[in-house]
Amino acid sequence: MIWRRSSSSPRSSGPRGLDGLVKVLREQHEPGRSVTDVILRNTLGYQFRKDARMEVVRSCEAFIRMYRPHEVREYAVLFRALHKIVPARNLQELGEQLAKVEDRLFGAVGFEKTAEHVVEIESTSAVAIWPSSLQIRLPV
């Protein structure tokens, strides 16, 4: 199986010919988690702690710089290759496994409602972090 649940990431050896890419993507996940931890540590509900606002902004900027090329590599290269080299039955099985993870993580609310909640937080915090709007907007 291409995916292992231990880290929600592809295994260290990737699909044929993509081992190097998979290794880089996996290595990028840890710094991404570290930056996310800084953001979570310095936010309370919908608001930033005032004394940590700039640290949150810098962390969001760092996450965005890391995430943009990471996302492109995953979607444009890795995920497209999976459809070419992994049997449809295995992809369906992977989709079912990921749906179970989504249910566990987001519960009855589901991913879509959670995504809507993120947009709501963005609109009240002046920081846009959702992939379709990866940018920092500081209030005037």
C-alpha atoms as a PDB file:
ATOM      1  CA  MET A   1       0.000   0.000   0.000  1.00  0.00           C
ATOM      2  CA  ILE A   2       1.280   3.465  -0.881  1.00  0.00           C
ATOM      3  CA  TRP A   3      -0.036   5.192   2.253  1.00  0.00           C
ATOM      4  CA  ARG A   4       0.447   4.398   5.889  1.00  0.00           C
ATOM      5  CA  ARG A   5      -1.721   5.895   8.594  1.00  0.00           C
ATOM      6  CA  SER A   6       1.126   6.488  11.075  1.00  0.00           C
ATOM      7  CA  SER A   7       1.750  10.003   9.759  1.00  0.00           C
ATOM      8  CA  SER A   8      -1.005  10.520   7.160  1.00  0.00           C
ATOM      9  CA  SER A   9       1.752  10.703   4.572  1.00  0.00           C
ATOM     10  CA  PRO A  10       3.130   8.564   1.820  1.00  0.00           C
ATOM     11  CA  ARG A  11       5.592   5.936   2.957  1.00  0.00           C
ATOM     12  CA  SER A  12       9.286   6.792   2.677  1.00  0.00           C
ATOM     13  CA  SER A  13       9.635   4.967  -0.610  1.00  0.00           C
ATOM     14  CA  GLY A  14       7.247   6.437  -3.108  1.00  0.00           C
ATOM     15  CA  PRO A  15       5.604   5.331  -6.308  1.00  0.00           C
ATOM     16  CA  ARG A  16       7.963   4.195  -9.047  1.00  0.00           C
ATOM     17  CA  GLY A  17      10.373   7.003  -9.878  1.00  0.00           C
ATOM     18  CA  LEU A  18       9.034   9.388  -7.235  1.00  0.00           C
ATOM     19  CA  ASP A  19      11.042   8.244  -4.204  1.00  0.00           C
ATOM     20  CA  GLY A  20      12.987  11.505  -4.065  1.00  0.00           C
ATOM     21  CA  LEU A  21       9.860  13.638  -4.230  1.00  0.00           C
ATOM     22  CA  VAL A  22       8.091  11.595  -1.568  1.00  0.00           C
ATOM     23  CA  LYS A  23      11.141  11.902   0.699  1.00  0.00           C
ATOM     24  CA  VAL A  24      11.204  15.704   0.305  1.00  0.00           C
ATOM     25  CA  LEU A  25       7.452  16.014   0.913  1.00  0.00           C
ATOM     26  CA  ARG A  26       7.684  13.898   4.066  1.00  0.00           C
ATOM     27  CA  GLU A  27      10.607  15.966   5.334  1.00  0.00           C
ATOM     28  CA  GLN A  28       8.587  19.144   4.778  1.00  0.00           C
ATOM     29  CA  HIS A  29       5.724  17.940   6.973  1.00  0.00           C
ATOM     30  CA  GLU A  30       7.683  18.280  10.233  1.00  0.00           C
ATOM     31  CA  PRO A  31       8.580  21.989   9.811  1.00  0.00           C
ATOM     32  CA  GLY A  32       4.964  22.581   8.772  1.00  0.00           C
ATOM     33  CA  ARG A  33       3.775  20.987  12.008  1.00  0.00           C
ATOM     34  CA  SER A  34       6.231  23.113  14.015  1.00  0.00           C
ATOM     35  CA  VAL A  35       4.949  26.335  12.444  1.00  0.00           C
ATOM     36  CA  THR A  36       1.345  25.243  13.020  1.00  0.00           C
ATOM     37  CA  ASP A  37       2.174  24.567  16.677  1.00  0.00           C
ATOM     38  CA  VAL A  38       3.466  28.146  17.063  1.00  0.00           C
ATOM     39  CA  ILE A  39       0.248  29.502  15.554  1.00  0.00           C
ATOM     40  CA  LEU A  40      -1.968  27.367  17.780  1.00  0.00           C
ATOM     41  CA  ARG A  41       0.049  28.158  20.888  1.00  0.00           C
ATOM     42  CA  ASN A  42      -0.365  31.896  20.304  1.00  0.00           C
ATOM     43  CA  THR A  43      -4.046  32.022  19.481  1.00  0.00           C
ATOM     44  CA  LEU A  44      -7.025  31.918  21.765  1.00  0.00           C
ATOM     45  CA  GLY A  45     -10.290  31.017  20.122  1.00  0.00           C
ATOM     46  CA  TYR A  46     -10.867  33.521  17.331  1.00  0.00           C
ATOM     47  CA  GLN A  47      -8.295  36.077  18.473  1.00  0.00           C
ATOM     48  CA  PHE A  48      -4.522  36.373  18.641  1.00  0.00           C
ATOM     49  CA  ARG A  49      -2.861  37.068  21.942  1.00  0.00           C
ATOM     50  CA  LYS A  50      -1.784  40.687  21.501  1.00  0.00           C
ATOM     51  CA  ASP A  51       1.760  40.057  22.715  1.00  0.00           C
ATOM     52  CA  ALA A  52       2.224  37.298  20.149  1.00  0.00           C
ATOM     53  CA  ARG A  53       0.504  38.820  17.120  1.00  0.00           C
ATOM     54  CA  MET A  54       3.672  39.372  15.073  1.00  0.00           C
ATOM     55  CA  GLU A  55       4.924  35.870  15.872  1.00  0.00           C
ATOM     56  CA  VAL A  56       1.641  34.491  14.536  1.00  0.00           C
ATOM     57  CA  VAL A  57       1.908  36.643  11.398  1.00  0.00           C
ATOM     58  CA  ARG A  58       5.526  35.540  10.800  1.00  0.00           C
ATOM     59  CA  SER A  59       4.543  31.928  11.372  1.00  0.00           C
ATOM     60  CA  CYS A  60       1.651  32.219   8.904  1.00  0.00           C
ATOM     61  CA  GLU A  61       3.990  33.768   6.346  1.00  0.00           C
ATOM     62  CA  ALA A  62       6.496  30.954   6.881  1.00  0.00           C
ATOM     63  CA  PHE A  63       3.768  28.341   6.530  1.00  0.00           C
ATOM     64  CA  ILE A  64       2.527  29.932   3.308  1.00  0.00           C
ATOM     65  CA  ARG A  65       6.053  30.047   1.837  1.00  0.00           C
ATOM     66  CA  MET A  66       6.476  26.357   2.636  1.00  0.00           C
ATOM     67  CA  TYR A  67       2.981  25.272   1.672  1.00  0.00           C
ATOM     68  CA  ARG A  68       2.669  26.753  -1.816  1.00  0.00           C
ATOM     69  CA  PRO A  69       5.436  24.732  -3.506  1.00  0.00           C
ATOM     70  CA  HIS A  70       4.622  21.705  -1.331  1.00  0.00           C
ATOM     71  CA  GLU A  71       0.980  21.723  -2.439  1.00  0.00           C
ATOM     72  CA  VAL A  72       1.942  22.072  -6.102  1.00  0.00           C
ATOM     73  CA  ARG A  73       4.296  19.099  -5.893  1.00  0.00           C
ATOM     74  CA  GLU A  74       1.724  16.938  -4.137  1.00  0.00           C
ATOM     75  CA  TYR A  75      -1.180  17.706  -6.450  1.00  0.00           C
ATOM     76  CA  ALA A  76       0.548  18.304  -9.782  1.00  0.00           C
ATOM     77  CA  VAL A  77       3.151  15.553  -9.568  1.00  0.00           C
ATOM     78  CA  LEU A  78       2.563  12.970  -6.846  1.00  0.00           C
ATOM     79  CA  PHE A  79      -1.232  12.644  -6.857  1.00  0.00           C
ATOM     80  CA  ARG A  80      -1.410  12.674 -10.672  1.00  0.00           C
ATOM     81  CA  ALA A  81       1.200   9.913 -10.792  1.00  0.00           C
ATOM     82  CA  LEU A  82      -0.787   7.823  -8.327  1.00  0.00           C
ATOM     83  CA  HIS A  83      -3.687   7.646 -10.757  1.00  0.00           C
ATOM     84  CA  LYS A  84      -1.341   6.314 -13.436  1.00  0.00           C
ATOM     85  CA  ILE A  85       0.501   3.687 -11.387  1.00  0.00           C
ATOM     86  CA  VAL A  86      -1.817   2.613  -8.576  1.00  0.00           C
ATOM     87  CA  PRO A  87      -4.689   0.302  -9.469  1.00  0.00           C
ATOM     88  CA  ALA A  88      -8.133   1.915  -9.201  1.00  0.00           C
ATOM     89  CA  ARG A  89      -9.137  -0.594  -6.512  1.00  0.00           C
ATOM     90  CA  ASN A  90      -6.207   0.510  -4.330  1.00  0.00           C
ATOM     91  CA  LEU A  91      -7.058   4.180  -4.844  1.00  0.00           C
ATOM     92  CA  GLN A  92     -10.637   3.456  -3.828  1.00  0.00           C
ATOM     93  CA  GLU A  93      -9.359   1.672  -0.716  1.00  0.00           C
ATOM     94  CA  LEU A  94      -7.117   4.653   0.045  1.00  0.00           C
ATOM     95  CA  GLY A  95     -10.085   7.009  -0.365  1.00  0.00           C
ATOM     96  CA  GLU A  96     -12.090   4.931   2.097  1.00  0.00           C
ATOM     97  CA  GLN A  97      -9.225   4.989   4.609  1.00  0.00           C
ATOM     98  CA  LEU A  98      -8.891   8.755   4.279  1.00  0.00           C
ATOM     99  CA  ALA A  99     -12.667   9.172   4.694  1.00  0.00           C
ATOM    100  CA  LYS A 100     -12.425   7.293   8.012  1.00  0.00           C
ATOM    101  CA  VAL A 101      -9.597   9.595   9.099  1.00  0.00           C
ATOM    102  CA  GLU A 102     -11.708  12.614   8.082  1.00  0.00           C
ATOM    103  CA  ASP A 103     -14.651  11.287  10.108  1.00  0.00           C
ATOM    104  CA  ARG A 104     -12.414  10.745  13.119  1.00  0.00           C
ATOM    105  CA  LEU A 105     -10.828  14.195  12.848  1.00  0.00           C
ATOM    106  CA  PHE A 106     -13.917  16.245  12.008  1.00  0.00           C
ATOM    107  CA  GLY A 107     -16.705  14.087  13.442  1.00  0.00           C
ATOM    108  CA  ALA A 108     -20.315  14.799  12.651  1.00  0.00           C
ATOM    109  CA  VAL A 109     -19.430  18.350  11.596  1.00  0.00           C
ATOM    110  CA  GLY A 110     -17.433  17.030   8.645  1.00  0.00           C
ATOM    111  CA  PHE A 111     -14.683  18.521   6.554  1.00  0.00           C
ATOM    112  CA  GLU A 112     -16.883  20.989   4.660  1.00  0.00           C
ATOM    113  CA  LYS A 113     -18.262  22.591   7.841  1.00  0.00           C
ATOM    114  CA  THR A 114     -14.743  22.714   9.290  1.00  0.00           C
ATOM    115  CA  ALA A 115     -13.511  24.462   6.128  1.00  0.00           C
ATOM    116  CA  GLU A 116     -16.357  26.984   6.443  1.00  0.00           C
ATOM    117  CA  HIS A 117     -15.316  27.551  10.060  1.00  0.00           C
ATOM    118  CA  VAL A 118     -11.733  28.274   8.955  1.00  0.00           C
ATOM    119  CA  VAL A 119     -13.008  30.894   6.491  1.00  0.00           C
ATOM    120  CA  GLU A 120     -15.041  32.447   9.317  1.00  0.00           C
ATOM    121  CA  ILE A 121     -11.945  32.596  11.533  1.00  0.00           C
ATOM    122  CA  GLU A 122      -9.951  34.151   8.703  1.00  0.00           C
ATOM    123  CA  SER A 123     -12.515  36.891   8.228  1.00  0.00           C
ATOM    124  CA  THR A 124     -12.386  37.862  11.908  1.00  0.00           C
ATOM    125  CA  SER A 125      -8.623  37.532  12.379  1.00  0.00           C
ATOM    126  CA  ALA A 126      -7.343  39.267   9.203  1.00  0.00           C
ATOM    127  CA  VAL A 127      -5.141  36.279   8.355  1.00  0.00           C
ATOM    128  CA  ALA A 128      -6.080  34.218   5.321  1.00  0.00           C
ATOM    129  CA  ILE A 129      -4.607  30.733   5.548  1.00  0.00           C
ATOM    130  CA  TRP A 130      -6.919  28.577   3.438  1.00  0.00           C
ATOM    131  CA  PRO A 131      -5.168  27.284   0.274  1.00  0.00           C
ATOM    132  CA  SER A 132      -7.347  29.261  -2.138  1.00  0.00           C
ATOM    133  CA  SER A 133      -6.350  32.503  -0.443  1.00  0.00           C
ATOM    134  CA  LEU A 134      -2.819  31.965   0.862  1.00  0.00           C
ATOM    135  CA  GLN A 135      -1.828  35.457   1.879  1.00  0.00           C
ATOM    136  CA  ILE A 136      -1.440  37.627   4.966  1.00  0.00           C
ATOM    137  CA  ARG A 137      -3.736  40.609   5.290  1.00  0.00           C
ATOM    138  CA  LEU A 138      -2.927  42.936   8.148  1.00  0.00           C
ATOM    139  CA  PRO A 139      -5.720  45.143   9.471  1.00  0.00           C
ATOM    140  CA  VAL A 140      -5.255  48.871   8.944  1.00  0.00           C
END
